[in-house]
Amino acid sequence: MNFLVVDDNRLLNRFLVSYLRNKGHVCAALTDSSKVESWLDLNPCDAVILDIGMPKIDGLTLISILRSRYAELPIIIFTGMGYDEEMMQTARFAGANGYVSKGLGPSEIYSAVMRVLHPAQTHSQT
């Protein structure tokens, strides 16, 4: 899969991009939320992983902007706010497909992202 990771925290951004690349995915990173639209206009992408709390354009506003132009593009919120039911519902109402906490371990973050993108697949082996 081809991901765009948008987070103003450069360290977390690099970490997630590196982890996804190690899992065999193509990844790009942006730390400036105001550049997402122009980047998506020029680059194919299977999903956006997006921080909520960013300067310039916050994640919830950006979701609404992206939904108006890229209705089918999966958007996953990547937040340091932990599990917050109200925030999760607000993000979903804005158009997010899923919600992942930055507080999870790398493999848990990856599993959560994959569950959002492939909800019908199970991870059990028989």
N, C-alpha and C. Protein backbone atom coordinates (compact mmCIF):
# COMPACT_ATOMS: atom_id res chain seq x y z
N MET A 1 0.84 -1.19 0.00
CA MET A 1 0.00 0.00 0.00
C MET A 1 0.88 1.24 0.00
N ASN A 2 0.30 2.31 -0.46
CA ASN A 2 0.98 3.60 -0.54
C ASN A 2 0.33 4.55 0.46
N PHE A 3 1.09 4.96 1.49
CA PHE A 3 0.58 5.81 2.56
C PHE A 3 1.16 7.21 2.49
N LEU A 4 0.37 8.17 2.93
CA LEU A 4 0.86 9.51 3.24
C LEU A 4 0.67 9.69 4.73
N VAL A 5 1.75 9.98 5.46
CA VAL A 5 1.70 10.22 6.89
C VAL A 5 1.85 11.72 7.10
N VAL A 6 0.87 12.31 7.80
CA VAL A 6 0.87 13.75 8.04
C VAL A 6 0.86 13.98 9.55
N ASP A 7 1.99 14.46 10.06
CA ASP A 7 2.12 14.73 11.49
C ASP A 7 3.19 15.79 11.66
N ASP A 8 2.91 16.83 12.43
CA ASP A 8 3.88 17.90 12.63
C ASP A 8 5.01 17.49 13.57
N ASN A 9 4.86 16.38 14.28
CA ASN A 9 5.93 15.86 15.12
C ASN A 9 6.87 15.05 14.22
N ARG A 10 7.99 15.65 13.88
CA ARG A 10 8.91 15.03 12.93
C ARG A 10 9.41 13.66 13.37
N LEU A 11 9.66 13.50 14.65
CA LEU A 11 10.17 12.23 15.16
C LEU A 11 9.13 11.11 14.99
N LEU A 12 7.89 11.37 15.39
CA LEU A 12 6.84 10.37 15.22
C LEU A 12 6.55 10.11 13.75
N ASN A 13 6.61 11.15 12.96
CA ASN A 13 6.37 11.02 11.53
C ASN A 13 7.41 10.09 10.91
N ARG A 14 8.70 10.34 11.20
CA ARG A 14 9.77 9.50 10.67
C ARG A 14 9.66 8.06 11.17
N PHE A 15 9.30 7.92 12.45
CA PHE A 15 9.15 6.59 13.03
C PHE A 15 8.08 5.79 12.28
N LEU A 16 6.89 6.38 12.10
CA LEU A 16 5.80 5.66 11.46
C LEU A 16 6.12 5.36 10.00
N VAL A 17 6.69 6.31 9.30
CA VAL A 17 7.07 6.09 7.90
C VAL A 17 8.09 4.95 7.81
N SER A 18 9.08 4.96 8.66
CA SER A 18 10.10 3.92 8.67
C SER A 18 9.49 2.55 8.96
N TYR A 19 8.61 2.50 9.94
CA TYR A 19 7.97 1.24 10.30
C TYR A 19 7.14 0.69 9.13
N LEU A 20 6.34 1.56 8.50
CA LEU A 20 5.52 1.13 7.37
C LEU A 20 6.38 0.67 6.19
N ARG A 21 7.48 1.37 5.94
CA ARG A 21 8.39 0.95 4.87
C ARG A 21 8.99 -0.41 5.17
N ASN A 22 9.36 -0.64 6.43
CA ASN A 22 9.91 -1.94 6.82
C ASN A 22 8.90 -3.06 6.65
N LYS A 23 7.62 -2.72 6.67
CA LYS A 23 6.55 -3.70 6.45
C LYS A 23 6.24 -3.87 4.96
N GLY A 24 7.00 -3.17 4.09
CA GLY A 24 6.86 -3.34 2.66
C GLY A 24 5.97 -2.33 1.96
N HIS A 25 5.59 -1.28 2.66
CA HIS A 25 4.71 -0.27 2.07
C HIS A 25 5.51 0.91 1.54
N VAL A 26 4.92 1.64 0.61
CA VAL A 26 5.48 2.88 0.11
C VAL A 26 4.91 3.99 0.98
N CYS A 27 5.77 4.90 1.43
CA CYS A 27 5.31 5.96 2.32
C CYS A 27 5.93 7.29 1.96
N ALA A 28 5.13 8.32 2.15
CA ALA A 28 5.62 9.69 2.06
C ALA A 28 5.22 10.37 3.36
N ALA A 29 5.94 11.43 3.70
CA ALA A 29 5.68 12.13 4.95
C ALA A 29 5.56 13.63 4.70
N LEU A 30 4.60 14.22 5.39
CA LEU A 30 4.47 15.68 5.41
C LEU A 30 4.34 16.12 6.85
N THR A 31 4.99 17.22 7.18
CA THR A 31 4.83 17.79 8.52
C THR A 31 3.97 19.05 8.48
N ASP A 32 3.66 19.51 7.28
CA ASP A 32 2.87 20.74 7.09
C ASP A 32 1.50 20.37 6.51
N SER A 33 0.48 20.49 7.32
CA SER A 33 -0.87 20.09 6.89
C SER A 33 -1.40 20.92 5.73
N SER A 34 -0.87 22.12 5.54
CA SER A 34 -1.35 22.97 4.44
C SER A 34 -0.87 22.48 3.08
N LYS A 35 0.04 21.51 3.05
CA LYS A 35 0.58 21.00 1.78
C LYS A 35 -0.05 19.69 1.34
N VAL A 36 -0.97 19.16 2.12
CA VAL A 36 -1.54 17.85 1.83
C VAL A 36 -2.31 17.83 0.51
N GLU A 37 -3.17 18.80 0.31
CA GLU A 37 -3.97 18.83 -0.92
C GLU A 37 -3.10 18.86 -2.17
N SER A 38 -2.12 19.74 -2.19
CA SER A 38 -1.27 19.84 -3.39
C SER A 38 -0.45 18.57 -3.57
N TRP A 39 -0.02 17.93 -2.47
CA TRP A 39 0.72 16.68 -2.58
C TRP A 39 -0.18 15.60 -3.19
N LEU A 40 -1.40 15.48 -2.69
CA LEU A 40 -2.32 14.46 -3.19
C LEU A 40 -2.70 14.70 -4.65
N ASP A 41 -2.73 15.95 -5.08
CA ASP A 41 -3.02 16.24 -6.48
C ASP A 41 -1.97 15.66 -7.42
N LEU A 42 -0.74 15.49 -6.92
CA LEU A 42 0.37 15.04 -7.75
C LEU A 42 0.81 13.60 -7.50
N ASN A 43 0.31 12.99 -6.42
CA ASN A 43 0.80 11.67 -6.01
C ASN A 43 -0.35 10.72 -5.70
N PRO A 44 -0.30 9.51 -6.25
CA PRO A 44 -1.31 8.53 -5.89
C PRO A 44 -1.09 8.06 -4.45
N CYS A 45 -2.17 7.73 -3.79
CA CYS A 45 -2.08 7.35 -2.39
C CYS A 45 -3.24 6.42 -2.06
N ASP A 46 -2.98 5.38 -1.29
CA ASP A 46 -4.03 4.45 -0.88
C ASP A 46 -4.70 4.85 0.43
N ALA A 47 -3.99 5.59 1.28
CA ALA A 47 -4.55 6.00 2.57
C ALA A 47 -3.70 7.13 3.16
N VAL A 48 -4.36 7.96 3.95
CA VAL A 48 -3.69 9.04 4.67
C VAL A 48 -3.79 8.74 6.17
N ILE A 49 -2.65 8.82 6.84
CA ILE A 49 -2.61 8.70 8.29
C ILE A 49 -2.33 10.11 8.80
N LEU A 50 -3.24 10.65 9.59
CA LEU A 50 -3.29 12.08 9.85
C LEU A 50 -3.39 12.39 11.34
N ASP A 51 -2.54 13.26 11.82
CA ASP A 51 -2.61 13.76 13.20
C ASP A 51 -3.77 14.75 13.31
N ILE A 52 -4.41 14.80 14.46
CA ILE A 52 -5.50 15.76 14.67
C ILE A 52 -4.96 17.14 15.02
N GLY A 53 -4.04 17.19 15.98
CA GLY A 53 -3.56 18.47 16.49
C GLY A 53 -2.36 18.99 15.74
N MET A 54 -2.62 19.77 14.69
CA MET A 54 -1.52 20.34 13.90
C MET A 54 -1.73 21.84 13.72
N PRO A 55 -0.62 22.58 13.58
CA PRO A 55 -0.76 24.00 13.27
C PRO A 55 -1.23 24.19 11.83
N LYS A 56 -1.56 25.37 11.47
CA LYS A 56 -2.06 25.77 10.15
C LYS A 56 -3.46 25.22 9.92
N ILE A 57 -3.56 23.93 9.57
CA ILE A 57 -4.87 23.30 9.37
C ILE A 57 -4.93 22.10 10.30
N ASP A 58 -5.88 22.11 11.25
CA ASP A 58 -5.98 20.98 12.17
C ASP A 58 -6.55 19.77 11.42
N GLY A 59 -6.36 18.61 12.00
CA GLY A 59 -6.75 17.37 11.35
C GLY A 59 -8.22 17.27 11.01
N LEU A 60 -9.10 17.72 11.90
CA LEU A 60 -10.54 17.64 11.63
C LEU A 60 -10.93 18.50 10.45
N THR A 61 -10.37 19.69 10.37
CA THR A 61 -10.65 20.57 9.23
C THR A 61 -10.10 19.96 7.95
N LEU A 62 -8.91 19.40 8.04
CA LEU A 62 -8.29 18.78 6.86
C LEU A 62 -9.11 17.58 6.37
N ILE A 63 -9.67 16.81 7.28
CA ILE A 63 -10.52 15.70 6.87
C ILE A 63 -11.68 16.21 6.01
N SER A 64 -12.32 17.26 6.46
CA SER A 64 -13.45 17.82 5.71
C SER A 64 -13.01 18.30 4.33
N ILE A 65 -11.86 18.94 4.27
CA ILE A 65 -11.34 19.42 2.98
C ILE A 65 -11.06 18.23 2.06
N LEU A 66 -10.40 17.21 2.60
CA LEU A 66 -10.06 16.03 1.79
C LEU A 66 -11.30 15.28 1.34
N ARG A 67 -12.29 15.17 2.18
CA ARG A 67 -13.53 14.48 1.82
C ARG A 67 -14.23 15.14 0.64
N SER A 68 -14.13 16.46 0.54
CA SER A 68 -14.79 17.16 -0.56
C SER A 68 -14.10 16.88 -1.90
N ARG A 69 -12.82 16.50 -1.87
CA ARG A 69 -12.06 16.26 -3.11
C ARG A 69 -11.73 14.80 -3.34
N TYR A 70 -11.57 14.06 -2.28
CA TYR A 70 -11.16 12.65 -2.37
C TYR A 70 -12.10 11.82 -1.50
N ALA A 71 -13.33 11.68 -1.95
CA ALA A 71 -14.40 11.08 -1.14
C ALA A 71 -14.08 9.66 -0.70
N GLU A 72 -13.40 8.89 -1.51
CA GLU A 72 -13.15 7.47 -1.20
C GLU A 72 -11.81 7.20 -0.54
N LEU A 73 -10.96 8.19 -0.40
CA LEU A 73 -9.63 8.01 0.18
C LEU A 73 -9.73 7.67 1.67
N PRO A 74 -9.22 6.52 2.09
CA PRO A 74 -9.24 6.20 3.52
C PRO A 74 -8.37 7.17 4.32
N ILE A 75 -8.93 7.67 5.42
CA ILE A 75 -8.22 8.59 6.30
C ILE A 75 -8.25 8.01 7.71
N ILE A 76 -7.07 7.84 8.28
CA ILE A 76 -6.95 7.28 9.62
C ILE A 76 -6.34 8.34 10.52
N ILE A 77 -7.03 8.65 11.60
CA ILE A 77 -6.53 9.62 12.57
C ILE A 77 -5.47 8.94 13.43
N PHE A 78 -4.34 9.61 13.59
CA PHE A 78 -3.21 9.14 14.40
C PHE A 78 -3.02 10.20 15.47
N THR A 79 -3.44 9.91 16.69
CA THR A 79 -3.48 10.96 17.70
C THR A 79 -2.81 10.57 19.01
N GLY A 80 -2.26 11.56 19.65
CA GLY A 80 -1.66 11.39 20.97
C GLY A 80 -2.66 11.60 22.09
N MET A 81 -3.93 11.81 21.75
CA MET A 81 -4.95 12.06 22.75
C MET A 81 -5.45 10.78 23.42
N GLY A 82 -4.92 9.63 23.02
CA GLY A 82 -5.38 8.38 23.60
C GLY A 82 -6.79 8.06 23.12
N TYR A 83 -7.43 7.14 23.81
CA TYR A 83 -8.79 6.77 23.42
C TYR A 83 -9.74 7.79 24.03
N ASP A 84 -10.36 8.58 23.20
CA ASP A 84 -11.32 9.59 23.61
C ASP A 84 -12.56 9.39 22.75
N GLU A 85 -13.60 8.80 23.34
CA GLU A 85 -14.81 8.44 22.60
C GLU A 85 -15.40 9.64 21.86
N GLU A 86 -15.46 10.78 22.52
CA GLU A 86 -16.04 11.97 21.89
C GLU A 86 -15.21 12.42 20.68
N MET A 87 -13.89 12.43 20.84
CA MET A 87 -13.01 12.82 19.73
C MET A 87 -13.10 11.81 18.60
N MET A 88 -13.18 10.54 18.94
CA MET A 88 -13.29 9.51 17.92
C MET A 88 -14.58 9.70 17.12
N GLN A 89 -15.68 9.96 17.80
CA GLN A 89 -16.95 10.18 17.10
C GLN A 89 -16.91 11.44 16.25
N THR A 90 -16.28 12.50 16.76
CA THR A 90 -16.14 13.74 16.00
C THR A 90 -15.33 13.50 14.74
N ALA A 91 -14.24 12.74 14.86
CA ALA A 91 -13.39 12.42 13.71
C ALA A 91 -14.16 11.58 12.69
N ARG A 92 -14.91 10.61 13.15
CA ARG A 92 -15.70 9.78 12.24
C ARG A 92 -16.78 10.61 11.55
N PHE A 93 -17.42 11.50 12.29
CA PHE A 93 -18.44 12.37 11.71
C PHE A 93 -17.83 13.27 10.63
N ALA A 94 -16.59 13.72 10.87
CA ALA A 94 -15.90 14.56 9.89
C ALA A 94 -15.51 13.77 8.64
N GLY A 95 -15.44 12.43 8.76
CA GLY A 95 -15.13 11.61 7.60
C GLY A 95 -13.97 10.66 7.77
N ALA A 96 -13.40 10.58 8.97
CA ALA A 96 -12.29 9.64 9.19
C ALA A 96 -12.81 8.21 9.14
N ASN A 97 -11.99 7.32 8.62
CA ASN A 97 -12.35 5.90 8.56
C ASN A 97 -11.91 5.14 9.80
N GLY A 98 -10.96 5.70 10.54
CA GLY A 98 -10.47 5.03 11.73
C GLY A 98 -9.69 5.97 12.62
N TYR A 99 -9.31 5.46 13.78
CA TYR A 99 -8.71 6.26 14.84
C TYR A 99 -7.68 5.38 15.53
N VAL A 100 -6.41 5.82 15.56
CA VAL A 100 -5.33 5.05 16.16
C VAL A 100 -4.58 5.94 17.15
N SER A 101 -4.32 5.40 18.33
CA SER A 101 -3.60 6.15 19.35
C SER A 101 -2.09 6.04 19.16
N LYS A 102 -1.40 7.16 19.29
CA LYS A 102 0.06 7.16 19.21
C LYS A 102 0.68 6.42 20.39
N GLY A 103 -0.09 6.20 21.45
CA GLY A 103 0.41 5.54 22.63
C GLY A 103 0.57 4.03 22.49
N LEU A 104 0.07 3.48 21.40
CA LEU A 104 0.20 2.05 21.17
C LEU A 104 1.61 1.71 20.71
N GLY A 105 1.98 0.46 20.84
CA GLY A 105 3.27 0.00 20.33
C GLY A 105 3.23 -0.07 18.81
N PRO A 106 4.38 -0.13 18.15
CA PRO A 106 4.44 -0.13 16.69
C PRO A 106 3.59 -1.22 16.04
N SER A 107 3.67 -2.44 16.56
CA SER A 107 2.90 -3.52 15.94
C SER A 107 1.40 -3.33 16.16
N GLU A 108 1.02 -2.75 17.29
CA GLU A 108 -0.40 -2.48 17.55
C GLU A 108 -0.91 -1.37 16.65
N ILE A 109 -0.09 -0.35 16.42
CA ILE A 109 -0.48 0.72 15.49
C ILE A 109 -0.68 0.14 14.10
N TYR A 110 0.26 -0.67 13.68
CA TYR A 110 0.17 -1.28 12.35
C TYR A 110 -1.08 -2.15 12.23
N SER A 111 -1.34 -2.96 13.23
CA SER A 111 -2.53 -3.82 13.20
C SER A 111 -3.80 -2.98 13.15
N ALA A 112 -3.85 -1.90 13.91
CA ALA A 112 -5.03 -1.04 13.92
C ALA A 112 -5.24 -0.40 12.55
N VAL A 113 -4.16 0.05 11.93
CA VAL A 113 -4.26 0.65 10.59
C VAL A 113 -4.76 -0.39 9.59
N MET A 114 -4.21 -1.59 9.65
CA MET A 114 -4.62 -2.65 8.72
C MET A 114 -6.08 -3.06 8.93
N ARG A 115 -6.53 -3.07 10.20
CA ARG A 115 -7.94 -3.40 10.48
C ARG A 115 -8.88 -2.36 9.87
N VAL A 116 -8.47 -1.09 9.90
CA VAL A 116 -9.30 -0.05 9.30
C VAL A 116 -9.36 -0.23 7.79
N LEU A 117 -8.23 -0.55 7.18
CA LEU A 117 -8.17 -0.66 5.73
C LEU A 117 -8.71 -1.98 5.20
N HIS A 118 -8.67 -3.02 6.01
CA HIS A 118 -9.14 -4.35 5.59
C HIS A 118 -10.01 -4.95 6.69
N PRO A 119 -11.18 -4.37 6.96
CA PRO A 119 -11.99 -4.83 8.10
C PRO A 119 -12.49 -6.26 7.99
N ALA A 120 -12.61 -6.79 6.79
CA ALA A 120 -13.15 -8.14 6.63
C ALA A 120 -12.10 -9.21 6.89
N GLN A 121 -10.83 -8.84 6.86
CA GLN A 121 -9.78 -9.83 7.06
C GLN A 121 -9.59 -10.08 8.55
N THR A 122 -9.36 -11.30 8.89
CA THR A 122 -9.04 -11.64 10.27
C THR A 122 -7.56 -11.94 10.35
N HIS A 123 -7.01 -11.81 11.53
CA HIS A 123 -5.58 -12.03 11.72
C HIS A 123 -5.29 -13.39 12.36
N SER A 124 -6.31 -14.22 12.48
CA SER A 124 -6.07 -15.52 13.09
C SER A 124 -5.68 -16.53 12.02
N GLN A 125 -4.91 -17.48 12.38
CA GLN A 125 -4.46 -18.54 11.49
C GLN A 125 -5.04 -19.86 12.01
N THR A 126 -5.52 -20.70 11.11
CA THR A 126 -5.99 -22.02 11.52
C THR A 126 -5.25 -23.10 10.78
